[in-house]
């Protein structure tokens, strides 16, 4: 066991589940949150019920070599989030890493249609995905700053720059990138850093279904896709990097920073999609109060 404590939000399935497992592989104690205690509510793009619960993820973390702790938490409910952080503080006395991953996934997300033809519910990603990340980061900072260390990380994507899945999705990704940028300004000198990670295509339950649903669009997907555990290993490496303070506030392409820090995805380097999909915005030194 590493003695480090991580919280991965939205970890019943998908990216969060894999990221939690990745921290387990590194010996972390990992709190995994989600709303799913029994499969049934979450559906794939083909309408099938998606597997995965917080308890299953916690068990996988433990099996991987860490200690998984399942916490049912609706990140749309500020009271539940406050109770979550209070429990972590009571049980562990510290928090080393927060990964803001919880995101509302609308059933029309990958449908090729203009935003006004999609249900208005697609805007839910701005509640659970953007606002919820701010709330969790607020609580995390109030634990990390007094202890003088910690990493607040945001799971993001190239959708923060290019058109991807429509304006609601893009605004959420651009928003968490800006959270990392501006939180770094406030966290500077405290020992706590904030980063946003642009993940590449991921191997998840939903993406495997998307590959079957839209085979032409996702042709060759699996060969190049990242395992989500890769992102956990990247964040851990950033936490221990000698230039961690310089990295703080940046939006980082996961595949690129991984190469710099010597992190591989199951022994393989993963491609960057910078030339195809765009670049993160650089840090801006200007500050207005």
Protein backbone atom coordinates (compact mmCIF):
# COMPACT_ATOMS: atom_id res chain seq x y z
CA UNK A 1 0.00 0.00 0.00
CA UNK A 2 1.32 3.42 -0.93
CA UNK A 3 -0.40 5.25 1.92
CA UNK A 4 -1.89 7.67 -0.59
CA UNK A 5 -5.61 8.41 -0.73
CA UNK A 6 -7.52 9.20 -3.91
CA UNK A 7 -11.12 10.06 -4.68
CA UNK A 8 -12.42 9.23 -8.16
CA UNK A 9 -15.89 10.59 -8.83
CA UNK A 10 -18.30 8.85 -11.17
CA UNK A 11 -16.54 5.51 -10.94
CA UNK A 12 -19.34 2.97 -11.30
CA UNK A 13 -18.21 2.34 -14.87
CA UNK A 14 -16.40 3.91 -17.78
CA UNK A 15 -13.35 6.11 -17.41
CA UNK A 16 -13.82 6.52 -13.67
CA UNK A 17 -13.89 2.79 -13.08
CA UNK A 18 -10.64 2.30 -14.96
CA UNK A 19 -8.94 5.29 -13.34
CA UNK A 20 -9.87 3.95 -9.90
CA UNK A 21 -8.41 0.55 -10.83
CA UNK A 22 -5.25 2.30 -12.02
CA UNK A 23 -4.76 3.90 -8.61
CA UNK A 24 -5.40 0.50 -7.05
CA UNK A 25 -2.55 -0.90 -9.12
CA UNK A 26 -0.34 1.75 -7.50
CA UNK A 27 -1.44 0.78 -3.99
CA UNK A 28 -3.72 3.73 -3.26
CA UNK A 29 -6.71 3.74 -0.98
CA UNK A 30 -9.41 4.81 -3.43
CA UNK A 31 -12.85 6.20 -2.65
CA UNK A 32 -15.08 5.52 -5.63
CA UNK A 33 -18.35 7.38 -6.01
CA UNK A 34 -21.38 6.89 -8.18
CA UNK A 35 -25.12 6.47 -8.07
CA UNK A 36 -25.26 2.87 -9.21
CA UNK A 37 -25.61 0.25 -6.52
CA UNK A 38 -27.55 -2.08 -8.82
CA UNK A 39 -27.27 -2.08 -12.62
CA UNK A 40 -30.35 -0.87 -14.45
CA UNK A 41 -30.43 2.90 -14.91
CA UNK A 42 -27.41 3.46 -17.14
CA UNK A 43 -27.91 2.47 -20.77
CA UNK A 44 -25.58 2.01 -23.68
CA UNK A 45 -26.08 3.70 -27.05
CA UNK A 46 -28.03 0.66 -28.22
CA UNK A 47 -30.38 0.79 -25.22
CA UNK A 48 -28.78 -2.13 -23.40
CA UNK A 49 -28.25 -1.94 -19.64
CA UNK A 50 -24.65 -1.11 -18.78
CA UNK A 51 -22.88 -3.17 -16.12
CA UNK A 52 -21.03 -1.71 -13.17
CA UNK A 53 -21.64 -0.56 -9.61
CA UNK A 54 -19.58 1.37 -7.07
CA UNK A 55 -19.16 -1.81 -5.02
CA UNK A 56 -17.81 -3.71 -8.02
CA UNK A 57 -15.32 -0.96 -8.78
CA UNK A 58 -14.16 -0.86 -5.16
CA UNK A 59 -13.64 -4.62 -5.23
CA UNK A 60 -11.57 -4.28 -8.42
CA UNK A 61 -9.41 -1.61 -6.78
CA UNK A 62 -8.71 -3.95 -3.88
CA UNK A 63 -8.01 -6.88 -6.22
CA UNK A 64 -5.55 -4.67 -8.13
CA UNK A 65 -3.49 -4.10 -4.99
CA UNK A 66 -5.06 -1.07 -3.34
CA UNK A 67 -8.00 -0.58 -1.03
CA UNK A 68 -11.30 0.31 -2.62
CA UNK A 69 -14.04 2.05 -0.67
CA UNK A 70 -17.45 2.37 -2.35
CA UNK A 71 -19.49 5.51 -1.69
CA UNK A 72 -22.93 6.03 -3.18
CA UNK A 73 -23.03 9.73 -4.01
CA UNK A 74 -25.14 11.83 -6.35
CA UNK A 75 -22.83 14.68 -7.36
CA UNK A 76 -25.85 16.82 -8.20
CA UNK A 77 -26.55 16.94 -4.44
CA UNK A 78 -24.17 19.29 -2.60
CA UNK A 79 -25.12 17.84 0.78
CA UNK A 80 -24.12 14.35 -0.32
CA UNK A 81 -20.81 15.67 -1.63
CA UNK A 82 -20.11 17.50 1.64
CA UNK A 83 -20.84 14.30 3.59
CA UNK A 84 -18.49 12.37 1.31
CA UNK A 85 -15.54 14.67 2.02
CA UNK A 86 -16.34 14.73 5.73
CA UNK A 87 -16.17 10.93 5.79
CA UNK A 88 -12.84 10.88 3.95
CA UNK A 89 -11.42 13.41 6.41
CA UNK A 90 -12.71 11.38 9.36
CA UNK A 91 -11.49 8.01 8.09
CA UNK A 92 -8.21 8.98 6.40
CA UNK A 93 -7.26 12.40 7.72
CA UNK A 94 -5.99 13.38 4.29
CA UNK A 95 -6.69 13.35 0.56
CA UNK A 96 -3.84 13.18 -1.96
CA UNK A 97 -5.68 13.10 -5.28
CA UNK A 98 -9.11 14.14 -6.48
CA UNK A 99 -10.10 13.06 -9.98
CA UNK A 100 -13.17 14.93 -11.19
CA UNK A 101 -14.71 12.42 -13.55
CA UNK A 102 -18.44 12.36 -12.70
CA UNK A 103 -20.30 13.51 -15.80
CA UNK A 104 -23.88 13.32 -16.99
CA UNK A 105 -24.05 11.35 -20.23
CA UNK A 106 -27.13 12.15 -22.30
CA UNK A 107 -28.56 9.36 -24.41
CA UNK A 108 -28.27 11.52 -27.56
CA UNK A 109 -24.67 12.55 -26.94
CA UNK A 110 -23.13 10.93 -30.02
CA UNK A 111 -26.11 11.38 -32.34
CA UNK A 112 -25.24 13.53 -35.35
CA UNK A 113 -27.78 16.33 -35.09
CA UNK A 114 -27.75 20.05 -34.16
CA UNK A 115 -28.08 20.89 -30.49
CA UNK A 116 -31.61 22.31 -30.80
CA UNK A 117 -32.88 19.01 -32.13
CA UNK A 118 -31.54 17.14 -29.11
CA UNK A 119 -33.49 17.07 -25.86
CA UNK A 120 -32.80 20.03 -23.59
CA UNK A 121 -31.67 17.47 -21.03
CA UNK A 122 -28.33 17.33 -22.83
CA UNK A 123 -27.45 20.46 -20.84
CA UNK A 124 -27.30 18.27 -17.72
CA UNK A 125 -23.57 17.86 -18.32
CA UNK A 126 -23.18 21.46 -17.17
CA UNK A 127 -24.61 20.46 -13.78
CA UNK A 128 -23.00 17.06 -13.25
CA UNK A 129 -19.74 17.47 -15.08
CA UNK A 130 -18.98 21.16 -14.68
CA UNK A 131 -20.63 22.57 -11.55
CA UNK A 132 -20.15 19.30 -9.69
CA UNK A 133 -16.42 19.41 -10.44
CA UNK A 134 -16.21 22.89 -8.93
CA UNK A 135 -18.01 21.75 -5.78
CA UNK A 136 -15.77 18.70 -5.32
CA UNK A 137 -12.65 20.78 -5.95
CA UNK A 138 -13.79 23.33 -3.35
CA UNK A 139 -14.04 20.61 -0.73
CA UNK A 140 -10.77 19.00 -1.81
CA UNK A 141 -8.87 22.29 -1.60
CA UNK A 142 -10.11 22.81 1.96
CA UNK A 143 -8.51 19.45 2.86
CA UNK A 144 -5.37 19.65 0.75
CA UNK A 145 -4.21 23.21 1.39
CA UNK A 146 -3.86 22.72 5.18
CA UNK A 147 -1.90 19.51 4.60
CA UNK A 148 0.34 21.28 2.09
CA UNK A 149 0.02 18.79 -0.75
CA UNK A 150 -2.38 17.26 -3.22
CA UNK A 151 -3.51 17.03 -6.84
CA UNK A 152 -6.87 18.19 -8.19
CA UNK A 153 -7.30 16.61 -11.61
CA UNK A 154 -10.00 17.00 -14.23
CA UNK A 155 -10.84 14.39 -16.82
CA UNK A 156 -11.14 16.25 -20.11
CA UNK A 157 -10.77 15.71 -23.83
CA UNK A 158 -9.99 17.32 -27.17
CA UNK A 159 -13.64 18.38 -27.10
CA UNK A 160 -12.43 21.36 -25.09
CA UNK A 161 -10.96 22.70 -28.32
CA UNK A 162 -12.65 21.09 -31.33
CA UNK A 163 -16.30 20.40 -32.04
CA UNK A 164 -17.12 17.13 -30.31
CA UNK A 165 -20.59 15.79 -29.46
CA UNK A 166 -22.14 19.28 -29.52
CA UNK A 167 -21.82 22.55 -27.59
CA UNK A 168 -22.88 21.27 -24.15
CA UNK A 169 -20.16 18.61 -24.14
CA UNK A 170 -17.60 21.07 -25.49
CA UNK A 171 -18.47 23.72 -22.92
CA UNK A 172 -18.07 21.22 -20.09
CA UNK A 173 -14.61 20.17 -21.28
CA UNK A 174 -13.49 23.75 -21.90
CA UNK A 175 -14.88 24.64 -18.49
CA UNK A 176 -12.90 22.08 -16.53
CA UNK A 177 -9.77 23.07 -18.45
CA UNK A 178 -10.34 26.64 -17.25
CA UNK A 179 -10.98 25.39 -13.71
CA UNK A 180 -7.48 23.87 -13.67
CA UNK A 181 -5.99 27.06 -15.09
CA UNK A 182 -7.62 29.43 -12.61
CA UNK A 183 -7.44 27.15 -9.57
CA UNK A 184 -3.67 26.95 -10.08
CA UNK A 185 -3.50 30.71 -9.62
CA UNK A 186 -5.23 30.48 -6.24
CA UNK A 187 -3.36 27.31 -5.19
CA UNK A 188 0.09 28.62 -6.13
CA UNK A 189 2.56 28.18 -3.27
CA UNK A 190 0.32 25.87 -1.24
CA UNK A 191 1.81 22.56 -2.41
CA UNK A 192 -1.47 21.69 -4.17
CA UNK A 193 -1.59 21.55 -7.95
CA UNK A 194 -4.44 21.45 -10.48
CA UNK A 195 -4.27 19.86 -13.93
CA UNK A 196 -6.68 18.94 -16.69
CA UNK A 197 -5.94 15.83 -18.73
CA UNK A 198 -7.07 15.39 -22.31
CA UNK A 199 -7.62 11.67 -22.60
CA UNK A 200 -7.68 9.98 -25.97
CA UNK A 201 -10.39 7.54 -27.03
CA UNK A 202 -10.95 5.15 -24.14
CA UNK A 203 -11.84 1.48 -23.88
CA UNK A 204 -15.06 1.61 -21.84
CA UNK A 205 -18.41 -0.14 -21.79
CA UNK A 206 -20.05 2.68 -23.76
CA UNK A 207 -17.27 2.98 -26.33
CA UNK A 208 -17.37 -0.72 -27.10
CA UNK A 209 -21.09 -0.40 -27.75
CA UNK A 210 -20.49 2.72 -29.87
CA UNK A 211 -18.04 0.74 -31.95
CA UNK A 212 -20.75 -1.80 -32.70
CA UNK A 213 -23.44 0.84 -33.22
CA UNK A 214 -21.35 3.02 -35.56
CA UNK A 215 -18.68 0.68 -37.01
CA UNK A 216 -17.56 3.07 -39.76
CA UNK A 217 -17.09 6.00 -37.37
CA UNK A 218 -15.20 3.90 -34.84
CA UNK A 219 -13.18 1.78 -37.28
CA UNK A 220 -9.78 0.98 -35.80
CA UNK A 221 -10.87 2.43 -32.48
CA UNK A 222 -9.76 -0.34 -30.13
CA UNK A 223 -6.26 -0.59 -31.54
CA UNK A 224 -5.44 3.02 -30.68
CA UNK A 225 -7.70 3.53 -27.65
CA UNK A 226 -6.30 4.13 -24.19
CA UNK A 227 -7.03 1.98 -21.18
CA UNK A 228 -8.41 4.36 -18.53
CA UNK A 229 -5.94 3.00 -15.95
CA UNK A 230 -3.34 4.88 -18.01
CA UNK A 231 -4.75 8.21 -16.82
CA UNK A 232 -4.34 7.25 -13.16
CA UNK A 233 -0.71 6.36 -13.76
CA UNK A 234 -0.19 9.71 -15.51
CA UNK A 235 -1.71 11.66 -12.61
CA UNK A 236 0.44 9.78 -10.11
CA UNK A 237 3.54 10.60 -12.17
CA UNK A 238 2.56 14.28 -12.36
CA UNK A 239 2.18 14.33 -8.57
CA UNK A 240 5.80 13.25 -8.19
CA UNK A 241 7.28 15.15 -11.13
CA UNK A 242 10.11 17.60 -10.38
CA UNK A 243 8.35 20.24 -12.50
CA UNK A 244 4.92 19.62 -10.95
CA UNK A 245 4.46 23.30 -10.15
CA UNK A 246 5.10 24.22 -13.78
CA UNK A 247 2.62 21.58 -14.93
CA UNK A 248 -0.01 22.92 -12.57
CA UNK A 249 -2.67 24.97 -14.30
CA UNK A 250 -2.02 23.36 -17.64
CA UNK A 251 -4.32 21.35 -19.85
CA UNK A 252 -2.15 18.38 -20.74
CA UNK A 253 -2.58 15.87 -23.52
CA UNK A 254 -2.31 12.61 -21.63
CA UNK A 255 -0.38 10.73 -24.30
CA UNK A 256 2.20 13.53 -24.56
CA UNK A 257 2.86 14.11 -20.87
CA UNK A 258 3.00 10.34 -20.38
CA UNK A 259 5.92 10.09 -22.82
CA UNK A 260 7.70 12.94 -21.06
CA UNK A 261 7.29 11.27 -17.66
CA UNK A 262 8.05 7.74 -18.86
CA UNK A 263 4.53 6.36 -18.37
CA UNK A 264 3.17 3.76 -20.77
CA UNK A 265 -0.23 2.19 -21.31
CA UNK A 266 0.43 -1.49 -20.61
CA UNK A 267 3.90 -1.10 -22.09
CA UNK A 268 2.81 0.94 -25.12
CA UNK A 269 2.98 4.63 -25.98
CA UNK A 270 -0.32 6.09 -27.12
CA UNK A 271 -0.80 8.57 -29.97
CA UNK A 272 -1.55 12.24 -29.50
CA UNK A 273 -4.34 13.69 -31.60
CA UNK A 274 -3.03 17.26 -31.45
CA UNK A 275 -2.57 17.63 -35.21
CA UNK A 276 -6.02 16.23 -35.95
CA UNK A 277 -8.12 17.73 -33.14
CA UNK A 278 -6.27 20.77 -31.85
CA UNK A 279 -4.08 22.00 -29.02
CA UNK A 280 -4.80 23.05 -25.46
CA UNK A 281 -4.66 26.73 -24.68
CA UNK A 282 -1.41 27.78 -22.99
CA UNK A 283 -1.32 29.24 -19.50
CA UNK A 284 -2.04 32.95 -19.44
CA UNK A 285 0.01 34.87 -16.84
CA UNK A 286 -2.41 37.79 -16.70
CA UNK A 287 -4.56 38.09 -13.59
CA UNK A 288 -7.41 40.49 -12.92
CA UNK A 289 -9.01 40.83 -9.47
